[in-house]
Each structure stands twice: as C-alpha cells, then as structure tokens.
Amino acid sequence: MIRYIYVIILMVLCSCQGNKLKPREYAIYVKEHTNQLHKKVDAGALEYSLQYKPLEFIVANEFKKEEISQKDLEIRKEDLKGLQYYSLRMKSNVGGDVMKIGTNSNDQYFDKINYYSYDFKNDIRLIEGSDTLSCKLFHFVRSHGTAPYVDFVFAFEDKKNDDNKEIYIYDKATLQDVVYFEIKDKDIKLIPQLLAY
C-alpha cells in the first residue's frame, strides 16, 4: 500500500515539475512494477524478473547523487548510446542456490554455470517490429550460492523505433522452456525525464 502511495506522490511531483524527476525518484519510477518497465514471470521453481533500463536510469544509478549536472548526464549518455539495456534476475522460488535447481551432480552444476557464463546470451532475443536482435553485450553476475538468485545484464542494438520490445529467453539449463516479456512502447514514452541542472 505504501508503495502505491509513493508512486502517486511521484506522479504528482512529475506533473508539477514538467514531467522531470530527481535521480532517486527517477530510479524508483523505472523500477516500479506498476509502470510496466519491470516485469516478472513465475515458472514453477523459478521467478524471472526483467528490468528495462533507459540510459537516464543507468546514469542515475551510477552517480547515486540527488542532483546530476546536465554535462555529466550528456557525457555518460553519449558513452551508452546505440544500445538498449536490460537486466534479468533469475530467482529460486524454493530457496537455496538457484544454480542447484535441476542438478544432480557437481558436473551438472558446473555445466550450468558454464552455460550461463558463455552460451546463455545466444538464447536471448529481442524482437522489435520485423527485427530480431541478438545480445551485443552480456554479463552473468554470480552470487556463488550466497543468495537465492543470479543476475544477468545485457544489451541489444537500439533501432530507435516505436515498436514494442518482445524479449524471448530460452533457458536451456534450468527451465528448458521459453520465457517471454513485453515492454510496450507506450510505457516507455511515459517515462519522465531525468532532472539535471
């Protein structure tokens, strides 16, 4: 309930400041599930969670300040441009090390780690209109069994079109099925601007 009240307050602030948010509020807006930029799929023993990451969101998280200069914002956006960024969290719904789900031996466990480290990127696709895109950047963030989840960060070429973003993930190691996410263009267009001075 408190989360929804906070989102309403953010929307009011957004409308008062010409649809611009300070870095902290901007990051909260993008992460909030009700804004449809963060999606979850429950797949039995696993939960897959996808976060769309606009360039301004990345900058706001990197700087971790209440204010960002317009110059710093533009310099960092220039470094990031040309790609569209996402993060994926794969979380265990049954507790314990997510990497051990569906494994019966150390060999299977290490095969799974190898798959997620090197081959999983080949099983992630973004479809925008008539374009099917492969990952241009990919990084597997292991928790080494200290958390019931693992994270992936990846990026695709930014075609700069107005189509919905359909992400298909074929998880061969654990789920052995396709996980589908859709980020609608209309929700991306509703993202407020990042306030910079």
C-alpha atoms as a PDB file:
ATOM      1  CA  MET A   1       0.000   0.000   0.000  1.00  0.00           C
ATOM      2  CA  ILE A   2       2.805   2.389   0.901  1.00  0.00           C
ATOM      3  CA  ARG A   3       4.457   1.661  -2.454  1.00  0.00           C
ATOM      4  CA  TYR A   4       1.318   2.746  -4.331  1.00  0.00           C
ATOM      5  CA  ILE A   5       1.039   5.929  -2.284  1.00  0.00           C
ATOM      6  CA  TYR A   6       4.660   6.695  -3.096  1.00  0.00           C
ATOM      7  CA  VAL A   7       4.011   6.129  -6.815  1.00  0.00           C
ATOM      8  CA  ILE A   8       1.033   8.518  -6.663  1.00  0.00           C
ATOM      9  CA  ILE A   9       3.223  11.123  -4.947  1.00  0.00           C
ATOM     10  CA  LEU A  10       5.856  10.658  -7.672  1.00  0.00           C
ATOM     11  CA  MET A  11       3.221  11.165 -10.359  1.00  0.00           C
ATOM     12  CA  VAL A  12       2.040  14.371  -8.695  1.00  0.00           C
ATOM     13  CA  LEU A  13       5.630  15.608  -8.419  1.00  0.00           C
ATOM     14  CA  CYS A  14       6.145  14.679 -12.053  1.00  0.00           C
ATOM     15  CA  SER A  15       3.232  16.798 -13.153  1.00  0.00           C
ATOM     16  CA  CYS A  16       4.385  19.745 -11.017  1.00  0.00           C
ATOM     17  CA  GLN A  17       7.966  19.727 -12.358  1.00  0.00           C
ATOM     18  CA  GLY A  18       7.138  19.475 -16.055  1.00  0.00           C
ATOM     19  CA  ASN A  19       7.486  15.662 -16.102  1.00  0.00           C
ATOM     20  CA  LYS A  20      11.025  15.672 -14.640  1.00  0.00           C
ATOM     21  CA  LEU A  21      12.243  13.678 -11.657  1.00  0.00           C
ATOM     22  CA  LYS A  22      15.332  13.869  -9.482  1.00  0.00           C
ATOM     23  CA  PRO A  23      17.691  10.886  -9.866  1.00  0.00           C
ATOM     24  CA  ARG A  24      16.410   8.924  -6.862  1.00  0.00           C
ATOM     25  CA  GLU A  25      12.749   9.397  -7.812  1.00  0.00           C
ATOM     26  CA  TYR A  26      13.554   8.614 -11.440  1.00  0.00           C
ATOM     27  CA  ALA A  27      15.157   5.287 -10.464  1.00  0.00           C
ATOM     28  CA  ILE A  28      12.182   4.414  -8.263  1.00  0.00           C
ATOM     29  CA  TYR A  29       9.764   5.217 -11.088  1.00  0.00           C
ATOM     30  CA  VAL A  30      11.564   2.952 -13.569  1.00  0.00           C
ATOM     31  CA  LYS A  31      11.790   0.057 -11.067  1.00  0.00           C
ATOM     32  CA  GLU A  32       8.142   0.263 -10.008  1.00  0.00           C
ATOM     33  CA  HIS A  33       6.152  -2.668 -11.436  1.00  0.00           C
ATOM     34  CA  THR A  34       3.036  -0.571 -11.990  1.00  0.00           C
ATOM     35  CA  ASN A  35       4.909   1.439 -14.648  1.00  0.00           C
ATOM     36  CA  GLN A  36       5.349  -1.746 -16.719  1.00  0.00           C
ATOM     37  CA  LEU A  37       9.121  -1.401 -17.222  1.00  0.00           C
ATOM     38  CA  HIS A  38       9.882  -4.170 -14.723  1.00  0.00           C
ATOM     39  CA  LYS A  39       8.200  -7.494 -15.480  1.00  0.00           C
ATOM     40  CA  LYS A  40       8.068 -10.838 -13.688  1.00  0.00           C
ATOM     41  CA  VAL A  41       7.284 -14.361 -14.867  1.00  0.00           C
ATOM     42  CA  ASP A  42       6.715 -17.175 -12.389  1.00  0.00           C
ATOM     43  CA  ALA A  43       7.916 -20.504 -13.820  1.00  0.00           C
ATOM     44  CA  GLY A  44       7.458 -23.067 -11.060  1.00  0.00           C
ATOM     45  CA  ALA A  45      10.676 -23.294  -9.057  1.00  0.00           C
ATOM     46  CA  LEU A  46      11.955 -20.096 -10.709  1.00  0.00           C
ATOM     47  CA  GLU A  47      10.948 -16.478 -10.994  1.00  0.00           C
ATOM     48  CA  TYR A  48      12.347 -14.466 -13.897  1.00  0.00           C
ATOM     49  CA  SER A  49      12.380 -10.700 -13.476  1.00  0.00           C
ATOM     50  CA  LEU A  50      13.273  -8.363 -16.370  1.00  0.00           C
ATOM     51  CA  GLN A  51      14.115  -4.678 -15.933  1.00  0.00           C
ATOM     52  CA  TYR A  52      14.172  -2.283 -18.893  1.00  0.00           C
ATOM     53  CA  LYS A  53      16.958   0.255 -18.274  1.00  0.00           C
ATOM     54  CA  PRO A  54      16.719   3.605 -20.065  1.00  0.00           C
ATOM     55  CA  LEU A  55      20.044   5.436 -20.392  1.00  0.00           C
ATOM     56  CA  GLU A  56      18.988   8.014 -17.793  1.00  0.00           C
ATOM     57  CA  PHE A  57      18.200   5.198 -15.333  1.00  0.00           C
ATOM     58  CA  ILE A  58      21.730   3.827 -15.733  1.00  0.00           C
ATOM     59  CA  VAL A  59      23.222   7.293 -15.186  1.00  0.00           C
ATOM     60  CA  ALA A  60      21.041   7.936 -12.110  1.00  0.00           C
ATOM     61  CA  ASN A  61      22.134   4.621 -10.585  1.00  0.00           C
ATOM     62  CA  GLU A  62      25.808   5.172 -11.389  1.00  0.00           C
ATOM     63  CA  PHE A  63      26.044   8.670  -9.940  1.00  0.00           C
ATOM     64  CA  LYS A  64      23.963   7.921  -6.814  1.00  0.00           C
ATOM     65  CA  LYS A  65      23.509  11.638  -6.160  1.00  0.00           C
ATOM     66  CA  GLU A  66      20.457  13.762  -5.521  1.00  0.00           C
ATOM     67  CA  GLU A  67      21.496  16.011  -8.405  1.00  0.00           C
ATOM     68  CA  ILE A  68      23.288  15.373 -11.688  1.00  0.00           C
ATOM     69  CA  SER A  69      24.703  18.053 -13.918  1.00  0.00           C
ATOM     70  CA  GLN A  70      23.429  18.270 -17.483  1.00  0.00           C
ATOM     71  CA  LYS A  71      27.044  17.970 -18.660  1.00  0.00           C
ATOM     72  CA  ASP A  72      27.658  14.723 -16.711  1.00  0.00           C
ATOM     73  CA  LEU A  73      24.338  13.323 -17.925  1.00  0.00           C
ATOM     74  CA  GLU A  74      25.094  14.049 -21.584  1.00  0.00           C
ATOM     75  CA  ILE A  75      28.681  12.732 -21.410  1.00  0.00           C
ATOM     76  CA  ARG A  76      27.576   9.430 -19.891  1.00  0.00           C
ATOM     77  CA  LYS A  77      24.598   9.058 -22.249  1.00  0.00           C
ATOM     78  CA  GLU A  78      26.986   9.557 -25.162  1.00  0.00           C
ATOM     79  CA  ASP A  79      29.078   6.631 -23.836  1.00  0.00           C
ATOM     80  CA  LEU A  80      25.984   4.406 -23.568  1.00  0.00           C
ATOM     81  CA  LYS A  81      24.156   5.388 -26.753  1.00  0.00           C
ATOM     82  CA  GLY A  82      23.482   2.941 -29.556  1.00  0.00           C
ATOM     83  CA  LEU A  83      22.330   0.155 -27.259  1.00  0.00           C
ATOM     84  CA  GLN A  84      19.241  -0.598 -25.186  1.00  0.00           C
ATOM     85  CA  TYR A  85      19.904  -2.153 -21.799  1.00  0.00           C
ATOM     86  CA  TYR A  86      18.164  -4.758 -19.646  1.00  0.00           C
ATOM     87  CA  SER A  87      18.819  -6.768 -16.530  1.00  0.00           C
ATOM     88  CA  LEU A  88      17.395 -10.177 -15.732  1.00  0.00           C
ATOM     89  CA  ARG A  89      17.155 -11.764 -12.304  1.00  0.00           C
ATOM     90  CA  MET A  90      16.582 -15.493 -12.037  1.00  0.00           C
ATOM     91  CA  LYS A  91      15.381 -16.282  -8.519  1.00  0.00           C
ATOM     92  CA  SER A  92      14.620 -19.528  -6.754  1.00  0.00           C
ATOM     93  CA  ASN A  93      11.044 -19.865  -5.509  1.00  0.00           C
ATOM     94  CA  VAL A  94      12.052 -22.839  -3.356  1.00  0.00           C
ATOM     95  CA  GLY A  95      15.032 -21.254  -1.565  1.00  0.00           C
ATOM     96  CA  GLY A  96      18.685 -22.101  -1.732  1.00  0.00           C
ATOM     97  CA  ASP A  97      21.175 -21.729  -4.553  1.00  0.00           C
ATOM     98  CA  VAL A  98      19.304 -21.156  -7.830  1.00  0.00           C
ATOM     99  CA  MET A  99      22.158 -22.808  -9.687  1.00  0.00           C
ATOM    100  CA  LYS A 100      21.448 -26.130  -7.959  1.00  0.00           C
ATOM    101  CA  ILE A 101      17.855 -26.358  -9.208  1.00  0.00           C
ATOM    102  CA  GLY A 102      17.595 -29.315 -11.580  1.00  0.00           C
ATOM    103  CA  THR A 103      21.154 -30.551 -10.972  1.00  0.00           C
ATOM    104  CA  ASN A 104      22.022 -33.947  -9.532  1.00  0.00           C
ATOM    105  CA  SER A 105      25.815 -33.788  -9.600  1.00  0.00           C
ATOM    106  CA  ASN A 106      28.745 -31.390  -9.438  1.00  0.00           C
ATOM    107  CA  ASP A 107      29.289 -31.907 -13.184  1.00  0.00           C
ATOM    108  CA  GLN A 108      25.735 -30.747 -13.942  1.00  0.00           C
ATOM    109  CA  TYR A 109      26.169 -27.802 -11.567  1.00  0.00           C
ATOM    110  CA  PHE A 110      29.364 -26.644 -13.298  1.00  0.00           C
ATOM    111  CA  ASP A 111      27.880 -27.281 -16.756  1.00  0.00           C
ATOM    112  CA  LYS A 112      25.038 -24.953 -15.786  1.00  0.00           C
ATOM    113  CA  ILE A 113      27.469 -22.258 -14.615  1.00  0.00           C
ATOM    114  CA  ASN A 114      29.377 -22.618 -17.885  1.00  0.00           C
ATOM    115  CA  TYR A 115      26.142 -22.332 -19.900  1.00  0.00           C
ATOM    116  CA  TYR A 116      25.040 -19.152 -18.114  1.00  0.00           C
ATOM    117  CA  SER A 117      28.530 -17.664 -18.375  1.00  0.00           C
ATOM    118  CA  TYR A 118      29.125 -18.262 -22.068  1.00  0.00           C
ATOM    119  CA  ASP A 119      26.160 -19.691 -24.005  1.00  0.00           C
ATOM    120  CA  PHE A 120      23.010 -18.214 -22.431  1.00  0.00           C
ATOM    121  CA  LYS A 121      23.497 -14.961 -24.375  1.00  0.00           C
ATOM    122  CA  ASN A 122      22.828 -16.915 -27.580  1.00  0.00           C
ATOM    123  CA  ASP A 123      19.383 -17.884 -26.262  1.00  0.00           C
ATOM    124  CA  ILE A 124      18.157 -14.348 -25.589  1.00  0.00           C
ATOM    125  CA  ARG A 125      16.429 -12.427 -28.389  1.00  0.00           C
ATOM    126  CA  LEU A 126      14.718  -9.083 -28.727  1.00  0.00           C
ATOM    127  CA  ILE A 127      12.035  -8.689 -31.373  1.00  0.00           C
ATOM    128  CA  GLU A 128      11.089  -5.159 -32.404  1.00  0.00           C
ATOM    129  CA  GLY A 129       8.724  -4.977 -35.321  1.00  0.00           C
ATOM    130  CA  SER A 130      10.342  -7.053 -38.076  1.00  0.00           C
ATOM    131  CA  ASP A 131      13.819  -7.042 -36.465  1.00  0.00           C
ATOM    132  CA  THR A 132      15.124  -9.969 -34.395  1.00  0.00           C
ATOM    133  CA  LEU A 133      18.168  -8.868 -32.416  1.00  0.00           C
ATOM    134  CA  SER A 134      20.852 -10.810 -30.558  1.00  0.00           C
ATOM    135  CA  CYS A 135      22.726  -9.607 -27.479  1.00  0.00           C
ATOM    136  CA  LYS A 136      25.543  -7.169 -28.189  1.00  0.00           C
ATOM    137  CA  LEU A 137      26.666  -7.067 -24.544  1.00  0.00           C
ATOM    138  CA  PHE A 138      26.173  -9.770 -21.933  1.00  0.00           C
ATOM    139  CA  HIS A 139      27.373 -10.309 -18.369  1.00  0.00           C
ATOM    140  CA  PHE A 140      26.488 -13.054 -15.869  1.00  0.00           C
ATOM    141  CA  VAL A 141      26.640 -11.927 -12.224  1.00  0.00           C
ATOM    142  CA  ARG A 142      27.021 -14.978  -9.994  1.00  0.00           C
ATOM    143  CA  SER A 143      26.027 -14.960  -6.347  1.00  0.00           C
ATOM    144  CA  HIS A 144      28.210 -18.023  -5.580  1.00  0.00           C
ATOM    145  CA  GLY A 145      25.365 -19.544  -3.585  1.00  0.00           C
ATOM    146  CA  THR A 146      25.118 -16.601  -1.169  1.00  0.00           C
ATOM    147  CA  ALA A 147      21.700 -15.523  -2.475  1.00  0.00           C
ATOM    148  CA  PRO A 148      18.727 -17.390  -3.973  1.00  0.00           C
ATOM    149  CA  TYR A 149      19.179 -15.565  -7.293  1.00  0.00           C
ATOM    150  CA  VAL A 150      21.612 -14.747 -10.094  1.00  0.00           C
ATOM    151  CA  ASP A 151      21.648 -11.653 -12.281  1.00  0.00           C
ATOM    152  CA  PHE A 152      22.351 -11.026 -15.945  1.00  0.00           C
ATOM    153  CA  VAL A 153      22.953  -7.700 -17.657  1.00  0.00           C
ATOM    154  CA  PHE A 154      22.594  -7.486 -21.422  1.00  0.00           C
ATOM    155  CA  ALA A 155      22.078  -5.026 -24.236  1.00  0.00           C
ATOM    156  CA  PHE A 156      20.802  -5.022 -27.797  1.00  0.00           C
ATOM    157  CA  GLU A 157      21.331  -2.631 -30.667  1.00  0.00           C
ATOM    158  CA  ASP A 158      19.000   0.352 -30.349  1.00  0.00           C
ATOM    159  CA  LYS A 159      16.976   0.559 -33.566  1.00  0.00           C
ATOM    160  CA  LYS A 160      15.204   3.715 -32.320  1.00  0.00           C
ATOM    161  CA  ASN A 161      11.784   2.582 -33.461  1.00  0.00           C
ATOM    162  CA  ASP A 162       8.346   2.833 -31.905  1.00  0.00           C
ATOM    163  CA  ASP A 163       7.646  -0.884 -31.690  1.00  0.00           C
ATOM    164  CA  ASN A 164       7.023  -2.877 -28.541  1.00  0.00           C
ATOM    165  CA  LYS A 165      10.031  -4.757 -27.196  1.00  0.00           C
ATOM    166  CA  GLU A 166       9.442  -8.500 -27.043  1.00  0.00           C
ATOM    167  CA  ILE A 167      12.167 -10.406 -25.210  1.00  0.00           C
ATOM    168  CA  TYR A 168      12.348 -14.168 -25.644  1.00  0.00           C
ATOM    169  CA  ILE A 169      14.613 -16.139 -23.340  1.00  0.00           C
ATOM    170  CA  TYR A 170      15.136 -19.826 -23.948  1.00  0.00           C
ATOM    171  CA  ASP A 171      16.631 -21.131 -20.708  1.00  0.00           C
ATOM    172  CA  LYS A 172      18.132 -24.483 -21.736  1.00  0.00           C
ATOM    173  CA  ALA A 173      19.898 -25.127 -18.416  1.00  0.00           C
ATOM    174  CA  THR A 174      17.118 -24.849 -15.828  1.00  0.00           C
ATOM    175  CA  LEU A 175      13.659 -24.278 -17.258  1.00  0.00           C
ATOM    176  CA  GLN A 176      14.137 -25.835 -20.707  1.00  0.00           C
ATOM    177  CA  ASP A 177      11.390 -23.581 -21.996  1.00  0.00           C
ATOM    178  CA  VAL A 178      10.870 -20.059 -23.344  1.00  0.00           C
ATOM    179  CA  VAL A 179      10.211 -17.101 -21.040  1.00  0.00           C
ATOM    180  CA  TYR A 180       8.512 -14.144 -22.730  1.00  0.00           C
ATOM    181  CA  PHE A 181       8.452 -10.488 -21.698  1.00  0.00           C
ATOM    182  CA  GLU A 182       6.940  -7.491 -23.431  1.00  0.00           C
ATOM    183  CA  ILE A 183       7.791  -3.860 -22.751  1.00  0.00           C
ATOM    184  CA  LYS A 184       5.260  -1.690 -24.541  1.00  0.00           C
ATOM    185  CA  ASP A 185       6.389   1.397 -26.413  1.00  0.00           C
ATOM    186  CA  LYS A 186       3.557   3.417 -24.842  1.00  0.00           C
ATOM    187  CA  ASP A 187       5.005   2.701 -21.358  1.00  0.00           C
ATOM    188  CA  ILE A 188       8.495   3.759 -22.466  1.00  0.00           C
ATOM    189  CA  LYS A 189       7.076   7.024 -23.792  1.00  0.00           C
ATOM    190  CA  LEU A 190       5.521   7.718 -20.370  1.00  0.00           C
ATOM    191  CA  ILE A 191       8.899   7.679 -18.614  1.00  0.00           C
ATOM    192  CA  PRO A 192       9.543  11.119 -17.115  1.00  0.00           C
ATOM    193  CA  GLN A 193      12.747  12.993 -17.888  1.00  0.00           C
ATOM    194  CA  LEU A 194      15.692  12.914 -15.527  1.00  0.00           C
ATOM    195  CA  LEU A 195      16.083  16.322 -13.879  1.00  0.00           C
ATOM    196  CA  ALA A 196      19.604  17.678 -14.420  1.00  0.00           C
ATOM    197  CA  TYR A 197      20.916  21.113 -13.527  1.00  0.00           C
END
